[in-house]
């Protein structure tokens, strides 16, 4: 498993077709089709401020899971989880576990 920016994960993908990749993303505009074709990520990994509910649905429709970083606010974690985000990265591990457990109880 490897997580990183497009240039780094493109290099990793070129060396190993089997590796699980998280494509970290740093802006509001999505990656180009060229980047997606070169990386073929299992996870799209944007900073938590940028995804919307529609964006999460868009990535899922492309068979790409969504992970968000660094989500330290409980309300934002809850919102992202409600939208179907598949993984949360945060500095508050206990908070992330609690948010995930609360979401699981509601579904």
N, C-alpha and C. Protein backbone atom coordinates (compact mmCIF):
# COMPACT_ATOMS: atom_id res chain seq x y z
N UNK A 1 0.85 -1.16 0.00
CA UNK A 1 0.00 0.00 0.00
C UNK A 1 0.90 1.23 0.00
N UNK A 2 0.54 2.21 -0.83
CA UNK A 2 1.33 3.42 -0.94
C UNK A 2 0.39 4.60 -1.12
N UNK A 3 0.71 5.70 -0.47
CA UNK A 3 -0.09 6.91 -0.55
C UNK A 3 0.82 8.07 -0.90
N UNK A 4 0.41 8.87 -1.88
CA UNK A 4 1.24 10.01 -2.23
C UNK A 4 0.66 10.82 -3.36
N UNK A 5 1.39 11.85 -3.74
CA UNK A 5 1.00 12.73 -4.83
C UNK A 5 1.15 12.00 -6.17
N UNK A 6 0.55 12.58 -7.20
CA UNK A 6 0.47 11.93 -8.51
C UNK A 6 1.83 11.48 -9.04
N UNK A 7 2.82 12.33 -8.99
CA UNK A 7 4.13 11.98 -9.54
C UNK A 7 4.72 10.75 -8.84
N UNK A 8 4.61 10.73 -7.53
CA UNK A 8 5.18 9.61 -6.77
C UNK A 8 4.42 8.32 -7.03
N UNK A 9 3.10 8.36 -6.99
CA UNK A 9 2.35 7.12 -7.16
C UNK A 9 2.37 6.63 -8.60
N UNK A 10 2.57 7.54 -9.56
CA UNK A 10 2.74 7.12 -10.95
C UNK A 10 4.01 6.28 -11.09
N UNK A 11 5.06 6.70 -10.42
CA UNK A 11 6.32 5.95 -10.44
C UNK A 11 6.14 4.58 -9.78
N UNK A 12 5.44 4.56 -8.66
CA UNK A 12 5.19 3.29 -7.97
C UNK A 12 4.36 2.36 -8.86
N UNK A 13 3.31 2.90 -9.47
CA UNK A 13 2.45 2.07 -10.33
C UNK A 13 3.25 1.48 -11.50
N UNK A 14 4.14 2.26 -12.07
CA UNK A 14 4.94 1.76 -13.19
C UNK A 14 5.83 0.59 -12.78
N UNK A 15 6.17 0.52 -11.52
CA UNK A 15 7.03 -0.57 -11.03
C UNK A 15 6.24 -1.78 -10.56
N UNK A 16 4.98 -1.56 -10.16
CA UNK A 16 4.20 -2.67 -9.60
C UNK A 16 2.71 -2.46 -9.89
N UNK A 17 2.17 -3.28 -10.76
CA UNK A 17 0.76 -3.18 -11.13
C UNK A 17 -0.17 -3.64 -10.01
N UNK A 18 0.33 -4.41 -9.06
CA UNK A 18 -0.52 -5.02 -8.04
C UNK A 18 -0.70 -4.18 -6.79
N UNK A 19 0.13 -3.18 -6.61
CA UNK A 19 0.14 -2.43 -5.35
C UNK A 19 -1.14 -1.59 -5.19
N UNK A 20 -1.61 -1.49 -3.97
CA UNK A 20 -2.75 -0.64 -3.64
C UNK A 20 -2.26 0.80 -3.52
N UNK A 21 -2.88 1.70 -4.30
CA UNK A 21 -2.46 3.09 -4.29
C UNK A 21 -3.56 4.02 -3.81
N UNK A 22 -3.17 4.97 -2.98
CA UNK A 22 -4.00 6.10 -2.57
C UNK A 22 -3.45 7.32 -3.31
N UNK A 23 -4.25 7.95 -4.15
CA UNK A 23 -3.82 9.15 -4.86
C UNK A 23 -4.19 10.36 -4.02
N UNK A 24 -3.20 10.93 -3.33
CA UNK A 24 -3.46 12.14 -2.54
C UNK A 24 -3.68 13.31 -3.48
N UNK A 25 -4.61 14.20 -3.09
CA UNK A 25 -4.96 15.32 -3.95
C UNK A 25 -5.09 16.58 -3.12
N UNK A 26 -4.65 17.69 -3.69
CA UNK A 26 -4.47 18.92 -2.92
C UNK A 26 -5.30 20.09 -3.40
N UNK A 27 -6.33 19.88 -4.17
CA UNK A 27 -7.11 21.01 -4.66
C UNK A 27 -8.53 20.64 -4.99
N UNK A 28 -9.29 21.63 -5.43
CA UNK A 28 -10.70 21.42 -5.73
C UNK A 28 -10.94 20.73 -7.06
N UNK A 29 -10.09 20.99 -8.05
CA UNK A 29 -10.27 20.36 -9.35
C UNK A 29 -9.78 18.92 -9.31
N UNK A 30 -10.52 18.01 -9.94
CA UNK A 30 -10.11 16.60 -9.91
C UNK A 30 -8.88 16.36 -10.78
N UNK A 31 -8.22 15.24 -10.58
CA UNK A 31 -7.08 14.89 -11.43
C UNK A 31 -7.54 14.65 -12.87
N UNK A 32 -6.63 14.83 -13.79
CA UNK A 32 -6.94 14.61 -15.21
C UNK A 32 -7.12 13.12 -15.48
N UNK A 33 -7.76 12.84 -16.60
CA UNK A 33 -7.92 11.44 -17.00
C UNK A 33 -6.56 10.79 -17.23
N UNK A 34 -5.59 11.58 -17.70
CA UNK A 34 -4.24 11.04 -17.90
C UNK A 34 -3.61 10.58 -16.60
N UNK A 35 -3.75 11.39 -15.56
CA UNK A 35 -3.22 11.02 -14.24
C UNK A 35 -3.94 9.78 -13.73
N UNK A 36 -5.26 9.77 -13.83
CA UNK A 36 -6.02 8.62 -13.34
C UNK A 36 -5.66 7.35 -14.11
N UNK A 37 -5.45 7.47 -15.41
CA UNK A 37 -5.07 6.31 -16.20
C UNK A 37 -3.69 5.78 -15.84
N UNK A 38 -2.77 6.69 -15.53
CA UNK A 38 -1.42 6.27 -15.17
C UNK A 38 -1.35 5.68 -13.77
N UNK A 39 -2.13 6.23 -12.86
CA UNK A 39 -2.06 5.81 -11.45
C UNK A 39 -2.98 4.62 -11.17
N UNK A 40 -4.20 4.66 -11.70
CA UNK A 40 -5.23 3.65 -11.42
C UNK A 40 -5.34 3.40 -9.90
N UNK A 41 -5.70 4.45 -9.16
CA UNK A 41 -5.74 4.33 -7.70
C UNK A 41 -6.93 3.50 -7.22
N UNK A 42 -6.74 2.80 -6.12
CA UNK A 42 -7.88 2.18 -5.45
C UNK A 42 -8.63 3.25 -4.66
N UNK A 43 -7.87 4.21 -4.10
CA UNK A 43 -8.45 5.30 -3.31
C UNK A 43 -8.08 6.66 -3.90
N UNK A 44 -9.07 7.54 -4.00
CA UNK A 44 -8.83 8.96 -4.23
C UNK A 44 -8.77 9.57 -2.84
N UNK A 45 -7.72 10.33 -2.55
CA UNK A 45 -7.43 10.78 -1.19
C UNK A 45 -7.26 12.30 -1.13
N UNK A 46 -8.39 13.05 -1.22
CA UNK A 46 -8.29 14.51 -1.16
C UNK A 46 -8.24 15.02 0.28
N UNK A 47 -7.73 16.24 0.41
CA UNK A 47 -7.85 16.93 1.70
C UNK A 47 -9.34 17.07 2.01
N UNK A 48 -9.71 16.90 3.26
CA UNK A 48 -11.12 16.81 3.65
C UNK A 48 -11.94 18.04 3.30
N UNK A 49 -11.33 19.18 3.11
CA UNK A 49 -12.10 20.41 2.84
C UNK A 49 -12.75 20.41 1.46
N UNK A 50 -12.27 19.60 0.54
CA UNK A 50 -12.69 19.72 -0.84
C UNK A 50 -13.83 18.81 -1.30
N UNK A 51 -13.97 17.59 -0.81
CA UNK A 51 -15.03 16.73 -1.34
C UNK A 51 -16.43 17.23 -0.97
N UNK A 52 -17.35 16.89 -1.84
CA UNK A 52 -18.78 17.11 -1.59
C UNK A 52 -19.46 15.74 -1.66
N UNK A 53 -20.71 15.71 -1.29
CA UNK A 53 -21.45 14.45 -1.38
C UNK A 53 -21.47 13.96 -2.83
N UNK A 54 -21.67 14.88 -3.77
CA UNK A 54 -21.67 14.51 -5.18
C UNK A 54 -20.33 13.99 -5.66
N UNK A 55 -19.26 14.58 -5.16
CA UNK A 55 -17.92 14.11 -5.55
C UNK A 55 -17.67 12.69 -5.05
N UNK A 56 -18.10 12.40 -3.83
CA UNK A 56 -17.94 11.04 -3.30
C UNK A 56 -18.71 10.06 -4.18
N UNK A 57 -19.94 10.41 -4.55
CA UNK A 57 -20.74 9.55 -5.43
C UNK A 57 -20.06 9.38 -6.79
N UNK A 58 -19.48 10.45 -7.30
CA UNK A 58 -18.77 10.39 -8.59
C UNK A 58 -17.64 9.37 -8.54
N UNK A 59 -16.82 9.43 -7.50
CA UNK A 59 -15.69 8.50 -7.40
C UNK A 59 -16.17 7.07 -7.21
N UNK A 60 -17.20 6.89 -6.41
CA UNK A 60 -17.74 5.54 -6.23
C UNK A 60 -18.27 4.99 -7.55
N UNK A 61 -18.91 5.84 -8.37
CA UNK A 61 -19.42 5.39 -9.67
C UNK A 61 -18.28 4.95 -10.59
N UNK A 62 -17.09 5.46 -10.36
CA UNK A 62 -15.90 5.06 -11.13
C UNK A 62 -15.18 3.87 -10.48
N UNK A 63 -15.79 3.29 -9.46
CA UNK A 63 -15.19 2.18 -8.72
C UNK A 63 -13.89 2.58 -8.03
N UNK A 64 -13.85 3.82 -7.56
CA UNK A 64 -12.71 4.33 -6.79
C UNK A 64 -13.22 4.66 -5.39
N UNK A 65 -12.55 4.14 -4.38
CA UNK A 65 -12.90 4.44 -3.00
C UNK A 65 -12.39 5.83 -2.65
N UNK A 66 -12.96 6.41 -1.59
CA UNK A 66 -12.59 7.77 -1.18
C UNK A 66 -12.07 7.75 0.25
N UNK A 67 -10.90 8.34 0.42
CA UNK A 67 -10.28 8.54 1.72
C UNK A 67 -10.02 10.03 1.87
N UNK A 68 -10.20 10.58 3.05
CA UNK A 68 -9.94 12.02 3.25
C UNK A 68 -8.95 12.22 4.38
N UNK A 69 -8.12 13.24 4.24
CA UNK A 69 -7.11 13.59 5.23
C UNK A 69 -7.25 15.04 5.59
N UNK A 70 -6.71 15.53 6.52
CA UNK A 70 -6.59 15.15 7.90
C UNK A 70 -7.82 15.72 8.60
N UNK A 71 -8.71 14.83 9.01
CA UNK A 71 -10.03 15.22 9.50
C UNK A 71 -10.04 15.12 11.02
N UNK A 72 -9.81 16.25 11.67
CA UNK A 72 -9.75 16.27 13.14
C UNK A 72 -11.00 16.85 13.78
N UNK A 73 -11.94 17.32 12.99
CA UNK A 73 -13.19 17.88 13.50
C UNK A 73 -14.28 16.80 13.46
N UNK A 74 -14.89 16.51 14.60
CA UNK A 74 -15.88 15.44 14.69
C UNK A 74 -17.07 15.68 13.78
N UNK A 75 -17.55 16.91 13.69
CA UNK A 75 -18.70 17.19 12.82
C UNK A 75 -18.35 16.92 11.36
N UNK A 76 -17.16 17.32 10.95
CA UNK A 76 -16.75 17.08 9.56
C UNK A 76 -16.58 15.59 9.29
N UNK A 77 -16.02 14.86 10.25
CA UNK A 77 -15.91 13.41 10.08
C UNK A 77 -17.29 12.80 9.89
N UNK A 78 -18.25 13.22 10.70
CA UNK A 78 -19.60 12.69 10.59
C UNK A 78 -20.22 12.98 9.23
N UNK A 79 -20.01 14.20 8.74
CA UNK A 79 -20.54 14.57 7.43
C UNK A 79 -19.93 13.71 6.33
N UNK A 80 -18.62 13.57 6.35
CA UNK A 80 -17.94 12.77 5.33
C UNK A 80 -18.38 11.31 5.37
N UNK A 81 -18.50 10.77 6.56
CA UNK A 81 -18.94 9.38 6.70
C UNK A 81 -20.38 9.22 6.21
N UNK A 82 -21.23 10.20 6.47
CA UNK A 82 -22.62 10.14 6.00
C UNK A 82 -22.68 10.15 4.47
N UNK A 83 -21.73 10.81 3.84
CA UNK A 83 -21.67 10.84 2.38
C UNK A 83 -21.12 9.55 1.79
N UNK A 84 -20.55 8.70 2.64
CA UNK A 84 -20.03 7.43 2.16
C UNK A 84 -18.53 7.36 1.99
N UNK A 85 -17.79 8.33 2.55
CA UNK A 85 -16.33 8.27 2.49
C UNK A 85 -15.89 6.94 3.12
N UNK A 86 -14.96 6.28 2.48
CA UNK A 86 -14.55 4.93 2.87
C UNK A 86 -13.46 4.88 3.93
N UNK A 87 -12.67 5.94 4.04
CA UNK A 87 -11.58 5.96 5.01
C UNK A 87 -11.32 7.39 5.45
N UNK A 88 -10.95 7.54 6.71
CA UNK A 88 -10.65 8.85 7.30
C UNK A 88 -9.24 8.80 7.87
N UNK A 89 -8.45 9.80 7.56
CA UNK A 89 -7.13 9.96 8.16
C UNK A 89 -7.21 11.16 9.09
N UNK A 90 -6.75 11.00 10.32
CA UNK A 90 -6.79 12.09 11.28
C UNK A 90 -5.72 11.94 12.34
N UNK A 91 -5.49 13.01 13.06
CA UNK A 91 -4.52 13.00 14.16
C UNK A 91 -5.13 12.47 15.45
N UNK A 92 -6.45 12.49 15.54
CA UNK A 92 -7.17 12.07 16.74
C UNK A 92 -7.74 10.67 16.50
N UNK A 93 -6.91 9.66 16.70
CA UNK A 93 -7.32 8.28 16.42
C UNK A 93 -8.57 7.89 17.19
N UNK A 94 -8.64 8.24 18.47
CA UNK A 94 -9.83 7.91 19.25
C UNK A 94 -11.07 8.58 18.68
N UNK A 95 -10.92 9.82 18.23
CA UNK A 95 -12.04 10.53 17.63
C UNK A 95 -12.50 9.89 16.33
N UNK A 96 -11.55 9.45 15.51
CA UNK A 96 -11.89 8.78 14.26
C UNK A 96 -12.63 7.49 14.55
N UNK A 97 -12.13 6.70 15.49
CA UNK A 97 -12.78 5.44 15.85
C UNK A 97 -14.20 5.71 16.36
N UNK A 98 -14.35 6.72 17.21
CA UNK A 98 -15.67 7.07 17.75
C UNK A 98 -16.62 7.49 16.63
N UNK A 99 -16.16 8.33 15.72
CA UNK A 99 -17.02 8.77 14.61
C UNK A 99 -17.45 7.59 13.74
N UNK A 100 -16.53 6.69 13.47
CA UNK A 100 -16.86 5.51 12.66
C UNK A 100 -17.86 4.62 13.39
N UNK A 101 -17.68 4.43 14.68
CA UNK A 101 -18.62 3.62 15.46
C UNK A 101 -20.00 4.25 15.50
N UNK A 102 -20.05 5.57 15.67
CA UNK A 102 -21.34 6.27 15.68
C UNK A 102 -22.04 6.13 14.33
N UNK A 103 -21.29 6.22 13.26
CA UNK A 103 -21.87 6.07 11.92
C UNK A 103 -22.39 4.65 11.73
N UNK A 104 -21.64 3.67 12.19
CA UNK A 104 -22.06 2.27 12.06
C UNK A 104 -23.35 2.01 12.82
N UNK A 105 -23.52 2.64 13.97
CA UNK A 105 -24.74 2.47 14.76
C UNK A 105 -25.97 3.02 14.04
N UNK A 106 -25.77 4.06 13.22
CA UNK A 106 -26.90 4.69 12.53
C UNK A 106 -27.27 3.99 11.22
N UNK A 107 -26.41 3.09 10.76
CA UNK A 107 -26.72 2.44 9.48
C UNK A 107 -27.16 1.01 9.67
